[in-house]
Structures are given as C-alpha cells and as structure tokens.
Amino acid sequence: MATETHGAEESSSLVFHPMDQFIVKPLFGEGPIHWYTITNVTLWLALAVVAVILLMVVGTRGRAIVPSRTQSIGEMAYGFVYKMVEDVAGKDAVGFFPYVMTLFMFIVMANFLGLLPMSFTTTSHFAVTVILAMLVFLTVTIVGFVKNGTKFLGLFWVSSAPLALRPILAVIELISYFVRPVSHSIRLAGNVMAGHAVIKVFAGFAAIAAISPVSVLAITAMYGLEILVAFIQAYVFTILTCVYLKDALHPSH
C-alpha cells in the first residue's frame, strides 16, 4: 500500500504543463484581467523597448571612432537592416527604414529576452504578433494607394497571364493579400511558442533520474536552436515587411 502511494506521488510530481509559461497574469494582485491591467506581458514588452533604447540610443551616444562593443552591435544592426531595406524594397523605400529598423529591433529583443530564465516571451502571443502584422498590412496598403492611386490595384491583375485566367488569378491574389497579416503573425508566434514548449517538455523529463542526462543535453541543444530561431524569426518578419513594401511602391513589378 505504501509502495502504491509512493508511486502515485512520484507520478503526480512528474506532471507538467508546457503551455503554462504562456499564461497572462496580473503583475500586481489577482483577479480578472482588463485592458488597463498591468500584466507580465506589459512588463516584458516594456523591457524590450527599454533594451532597444539602451542599445541604439544610450549605447551609441558616444559615437566613438573606435567603437565600444555596444556601439559595434548597434552599428552592425543598423547596417544590416539598412542593406535589407535597400536590397529588397529598393532605394526609394529607404524613407521607411526607421520603421523597419524599429520593428526588427523590437522583435529580436523581445525574442532574446524571452530566453532568460523566469521571463515571459511576448512574441509567443498572437495578440502581440497580430498587432505588429496588422500595422505592417495597413502601412503597406495606405502607402500603396497614396503613392499609386488606383494603379495599386494592378498588383492583383496578372497581365502576363492569359485573359481568361486573369479574373480567377485576381481573386486568388486578392485572397492571398488579405491573408498576409495572418501568415505574417502566425509564423512568428507559432515558431517561438513551439520552441519554448519543447524546452519545457524536456525540462519536465529532467526530473526522472534515468533520463535526466539525456534531457539536459536535449535542453541545451534546443536552447542553442532557440537562440538562432530568435534572430531568424525577427529577420523573416522584417524581410517580409520589405517585400510587402516593395509591392506597395512598385505594384506593377
């Protein structure tokens, strides 16, 4: 009987919930969450903004000829995103560089902060990534119509296709255009959430002595992969923004 009780206690101690790390909780006290409630999401979003300011403003304020490490990182990020905008969207899209740069730095900082112990990964929530994707979608659409007028609709009319197929292709292009913010946001949140959930699963198995060494190795490998994913997903989100911006500026291309 004692053995059965011990076995039941051991099995219950191994119960873990990988998705608990994504629960939104009030930062102060308990109770329902309203739109004005300060939560763990609010805290880590603010920390991402502060991290960007510390790196790009405070860290580069000296503008030394021989840059410090912080200034070097800021300059590398600046040059990396600037070249991305220029190469993908064209030189006439450079005016949108501040927005694209801010977008990239915020996402990459939020991703990396989410890898810290006891942190909260804000980019794993669709509420965050959908807002970012919708801002890109609205910006691109407004710029497209302001710059090109009704010619922007040429983006949906495939003039190189046979005439009979053009209406069908126009419907497909229109649907794919409005699906952009959905795929744009799900790609980022889904990849970040999946990686953190897998790490949590391996961490749960670490409590079992027989497979603990294997679990620790798996966590280490996944953590290294997540560092790479944190950068890659920020890069993918940003480069897709540049592609959409190119469509807005040059709808006939």
Protein backbone atom coordinates (compact mmCIF):
# COMPACT_ATOMS: atom_id res chain seq x y z
CA MET A 1 0.00 0.00 0.00
CA ALA A 2 2.87 2.35 0.89
CA THR A 3 4.57 1.47 -2.40
CA GLU A 4 1.42 2.33 -4.35
CA THR A 5 1.12 5.66 -2.50
CA HIS A 6 4.77 6.49 -3.21
CA GLY A 7 4.28 5.57 -6.88
CA ALA A 8 1.21 7.77 -7.11
CA GLU A 9 3.06 10.69 -5.52
CA GLU A 10 6.03 10.22 -7.87
CA SER A 11 3.81 10.10 -10.95
CA SER A 12 1.89 13.18 -9.85
CA SER A 13 5.16 15.08 -9.27
CA LEU A 14 6.11 14.44 -12.90
CA VAL A 15 3.02 16.16 -14.21
CA PHE A 16 3.97 19.34 -16.06
CA HIS A 17 2.16 21.66 -18.38
CA PRO A 18 4.34 23.12 -21.17
CA MET A 19 1.75 25.79 -22.04
CA ASP A 20 1.58 27.25 -18.51
CA GLN A 21 4.53 29.51 -19.34
CA PHE A 22 2.33 31.42 -21.81
CA ILE A 23 -0.43 32.30 -19.34
CA VAL A 24 -1.05 36.03 -18.99
CA LYS A 25 -1.13 37.02 -15.31
CA PRO A 26 -1.67 40.34 -13.48
CA LEU A 27 1.61 41.78 -12.28
CA PHE A 28 0.05 43.03 -9.05
CA GLY A 29 -2.53 41.03 -7.12
CA GLU A 30 -5.08 38.62 -8.51
CA GLY A 31 -8.40 38.85 -10.30
CA PRO A 32 -9.70 39.35 -13.82
CA ILE A 33 -7.56 41.00 -16.48
CA HIS A 34 -8.91 44.16 -18.10
CA TRP A 35 -7.46 46.25 -20.90
CA TYR A 36 -5.81 48.54 -18.35
CA THR A 37 -4.38 45.74 -16.15
CA ILE A 38 -0.60 45.65 -15.92
CA THR A 39 0.41 42.07 -16.67
CA ASN A 40 3.56 40.05 -17.22
CA VAL A 41 3.12 40.77 -20.94
CA THR A 42 3.11 44.51 -20.23
CA LEU A 43 6.31 44.20 -18.20
CA TRP A 44 8.28 42.28 -20.80
CA LEU A 45 7.03 44.42 -23.68
CA ALA A 46 8.29 47.46 -21.77
CA LEU A 47 11.61 45.73 -21.09
CA ALA A 48 12.01 45.02 -24.82
CA VAL A 49 11.50 48.72 -25.56
CA VAL A 50 14.00 49.68 -22.84
CA ALA A 51 16.54 47.19 -24.21
CA VAL A 52 16.26 48.71 -27.69
CA ILE A 53 16.72 52.22 -26.28
CA LEU A 54 19.74 51.14 -24.22
CA LEU A 55 21.39 49.55 -27.24
CA MET A 56 20.57 52.01 -30.01
CA VAL A 57 20.44 55.31 -28.09
CA VAL A 58 22.45 55.03 -24.89
CA GLY A 59 24.97 52.52 -26.22
CA THR A 60 25.82 54.58 -29.32
CA ARG A 61 25.63 58.10 -27.89
CA GLY A 62 29.42 58.45 -27.75
CA ARG A 63 29.85 57.79 -31.49
CA ALA A 64 33.50 56.98 -30.96
CA ILE A 65 35.82 56.44 -33.90
CA VAL A 66 36.92 53.24 -32.20
CA PRO A 67 33.51 51.90 -31.19
CA SER A 68 32.75 50.06 -27.99
CA ARG A 69 31.15 46.62 -28.09
CA THR A 70 27.70 48.09 -27.61
CA GLN A 71 28.24 50.67 -30.34
CA SER A 72 29.58 47.97 -32.67
CA ILE A 73 26.44 45.86 -32.16
CA GLY A 74 24.24 48.89 -32.79
CA GLU A 75 26.14 49.83 -35.95
CA MET A 76 26.04 46.25 -37.24
CA ALA A 77 22.27 46.09 -36.67
CA TYR A 78 21.83 49.47 -38.40
CA GLY A 79 23.85 48.44 -41.43
CA PHE A 80 22.21 45.01 -41.62
CA VAL A 81 18.65 46.36 -41.69
CA TYR A 82 19.52 49.32 -43.95
CA LYS A 83 21.01 47.00 -46.56
CA MET A 84 18.00 44.71 -46.27
CA VAL A 85 15.57 47.56 -46.96
CA GLU A 86 17.65 48.89 -49.85
CA ASP A 87 18.23 45.50 -51.50
CA VAL A 88 14.72 44.11 -51.10
CA ALA A 89 12.40 47.13 -51.35
CA GLY A 90 14.61 49.49 -53.37
CA LYS A 91 16.30 52.80 -52.70
CA ASP A 92 13.01 54.69 -52.68
CA ALA A 93 11.97 52.62 -49.65
CA VAL A 94 14.84 53.97 -47.53
CA GLY A 95 12.43 56.57 -46.14
CA PHE A 96 10.70 53.71 -44.33
CA PHE A 97 13.97 52.47 -42.82
CA PRO A 98 13.28 53.93 -39.31
CA TYR A 99 10.01 51.97 -39.10
CA VAL A 100 11.57 48.72 -40.39
CA MET A 101 14.57 49.14 -38.08
CA THR A 102 12.34 49.70 -35.06
CA LEU A 103 10.26 46.66 -35.99
CA PHE A 104 13.31 44.41 -36.33
CA MET A 105 14.98 45.58 -33.13
CA PHE A 106 11.80 45.26 -31.07
CA ILE A 107 11.09 41.71 -32.26
CA VAL A 108 14.66 40.49 -31.88
CA MET A 109 14.91 41.99 -28.37
CA ALA A 110 11.57 40.51 -27.32
CA ASN A 111 12.67 37.11 -28.64
CA PHE A 112 16.01 37.17 -26.83
CA LEU A 113 14.51 38.44 -23.57
CA GLY A 114 12.09 35.51 -23.71
CA LEU A 115 15.05 33.14 -23.45
CA LEU A 116 16.02 34.43 -20.00
CA PRO A 117 15.06 32.24 -17.01
CA MET A 118 11.73 33.21 -15.40
CA SER A 119 10.97 35.58 -18.28
CA PHE A 120 7.87 35.85 -20.48
CA THR A 121 8.07 35.53 -24.26
CA THR A 122 5.76 38.25 -25.57
CA THR A 123 6.18 37.27 -29.23
CA SER A 124 4.65 33.86 -28.46
CA HIS A 125 1.25 35.55 -28.13
CA PHE A 126 -0.86 36.19 -31.20
CA ALA A 127 -2.23 39.34 -29.54
CA VAL A 128 1.25 40.85 -29.95
CA THR A 129 2.24 39.47 -33.35
CA VAL A 130 -1.18 40.18 -34.93
CA ILE A 131 -0.88 43.85 -33.96
CA LEU A 132 2.61 44.03 -35.49
CA ALA A 133 1.41 42.28 -38.66
CA MET A 134 -1.70 44.48 -38.96
CA LEU A 135 0.39 47.63 -38.62
CA VAL A 136 2.57 46.41 -41.49
CA PHE A 137 -0.51 45.48 -43.55
CA LEU A 138 -2.20 48.84 -43.03
CA THR A 139 1.02 50.77 -43.67
CA VAL A 140 1.69 48.93 -46.91
CA THR A 141 -1.90 49.29 -48.13
CA ILE A 142 -2.11 53.01 -47.33
CA VAL A 143 1.28 53.71 -48.90
CA GLY A 144 0.28 51.72 -51.97
CA PHE A 145 -2.87 53.76 -52.59
CA VAL A 146 -1.31 57.11 -51.64
CA LYS A 147 1.68 56.64 -53.96
CA ASN A 148 -0.02 54.86 -56.86
CA GLY A 149 -3.74 55.59 -56.56
CA THR A 150 -5.92 53.06 -58.36
CA LYS A 151 -2.81 51.72 -60.13
CA PHE A 152 -2.09 49.89 -56.87
CA LEU A 153 -4.89 47.50 -57.83
CA GLY A 154 -2.63 46.36 -60.66
CA LEU A 155 -0.93 44.26 -58.01
CA PHE A 156 -3.87 41.85 -58.24
CA TRP A 157 -4.17 41.85 -62.05
CA VAL A 158 -1.69 39.42 -63.62
CA SER A 159 -1.31 40.99 -67.06
CA SER A 160 1.15 38.34 -68.22
CA ALA A 161 -1.44 35.56 -67.82
CA PRO A 162 -4.00 34.59 -70.48
CA LEU A 163 -7.03 36.89 -70.44
CA ALA A 164 -9.45 34.10 -69.48
CA LEU A 165 -7.41 33.29 -66.36
CA ARG A 166 -6.87 36.84 -65.17
CA PRO A 167 -10.17 37.19 -63.20
CA ILE A 168 -9.52 33.90 -61.41
CA LEU A 169 -5.94 34.88 -60.62
CA ALA A 170 -7.15 38.28 -59.44
CA VAL A 171 -9.41 36.61 -56.86
CA ILE A 172 -6.54 34.35 -55.73
CA GLU A 173 -4.17 37.33 -55.47
CA LEU A 174 -6.75 39.31 -53.52
CA ILE A 175 -7.29 36.48 -51.04
CA SER A 176 -3.55 35.94 -50.62
CA TYR A 177 -3.10 39.67 -50.00
CA PHE A 178 -5.61 39.73 -47.14
CA VAL A 179 -4.17 36.51 -45.71
CA ARG A 180 -0.76 38.20 -45.38
CA PRO A 181 -1.25 39.54 -41.83
CA VAL A 182 -2.49 36.11 -40.70
CA SER A 183 0.52 34.21 -42.04
CA HIS A 184 2.84 37.04 -41.02
CA SER A 185 1.74 36.85 -37.38
CA ILE A 186 1.26 33.08 -37.05
CA ARG A 187 4.72 32.36 -38.44
CA LEU A 188 6.40 34.38 -35.71
CA ALA A 189 4.21 33.37 -32.76
CA GLY A 190 3.99 29.73 -33.79
CA ASN A 191 7.73 29.18 -34.12
CA VAL A 192 8.56 30.96 -30.88
CA MET A 193 5.82 29.17 -28.94
CA ALA A 194 6.74 25.72 -30.28
CA GLY A 195 10.39 26.04 -29.32
CA HIS A 196 9.66 27.18 -25.77
CA ALA A 197 7.08 24.41 -25.31
CA VAL A 198 9.59 21.75 -26.40
CA ILE A 199 12.19 23.08 -23.95
CA LYS A 200 9.57 22.91 -21.19
CA VAL A 201 8.78 19.30 -22.07
CA PHE A 202 12.44 18.27 -21.88
CA ALA A 203 12.75 20.17 -18.60
CA GLY A 204 9.87 18.12 -17.21
CA PHE A 205 11.62 14.87 -18.11
CA ALA A 206 14.77 16.08 -16.33
CA ALA A 207 13.07 15.13 -13.04
CA ILE A 208 13.37 11.45 -14.00
CA ALA A 209 16.81 10.28 -12.87
CA ALA A 210 17.14 7.59 -15.56
CA ILE A 211 16.84 10.02 -18.49
CA SER A 212 17.98 13.21 -16.78
CA PRO A 213 21.37 13.42 -18.59
CA VAL A 214 19.70 12.97 -21.97
CA SER A 215 17.09 15.56 -21.07
CA VAL A 216 19.74 18.10 -20.05
CA LEU A 217 21.58 17.58 -23.34
CA ALA A 218 18.32 17.99 -25.25
CA ILE A 219 17.52 21.21 -23.37
CA THR A 220 21.00 22.57 -24.16
CA ALA A 221 20.62 21.74 -27.85
CA MET A 222 17.11 23.21 -28.02
CA TYR A 223 18.24 26.35 -26.22
CA GLY A 224 21.01 26.84 -28.76
CA LEU A 225 18.50 26.34 -31.54
CA GLU A 226 16.10 28.83 -29.96
CA ILE A 227 18.84 31.49 -29.91
CA LEU A 228 19.13 31.00 -33.66
CA VAL A 229 15.35 30.97 -34.10
CA ALA A 230 15.03 34.22 -32.11
CA PHE A 231 17.15 36.02 -34.69
CA ILE A 232 15.84 34.19 -37.76
CA GLN A 233 12.17 34.87 -36.96
CA ALA A 234 12.88 38.58 -36.47
CA TYR A 235 14.74 38.55 -39.79
CA VAL A 236 11.93 36.72 -41.61
CA PHE A 237 9.27 39.08 -40.23
CA THR A 238 11.33 42.10 -41.28
CA ILE A 239 12.26 40.87 -44.74
CA LEU A 240 8.63 40.03 -45.47
CA THR A 241 7.78 43.58 -44.43
CA CYS A 242 10.30 44.80 -47.00
CA VAL A 243 8.79 42.54 -49.68
CA TYR A 244 5.29 43.87 -48.95
CA LEU A 245 6.66 47.41 -49.00
CA LYS A 246 8.18 46.77 -52.41
CA ASP A 247 4.75 45.66 -53.69
CA ALA A 248 3.26 48.91 -52.40
CA LEU A 249 5.91 51.09 -54.04
CA HIS A 250 6.13 49.10 -57.29
CA PRO A 251 2.81 47.28 -57.77
CA SER A 252 3.41 46.68 -61.47
CA HIS A 253 6.69 44.76 -60.88
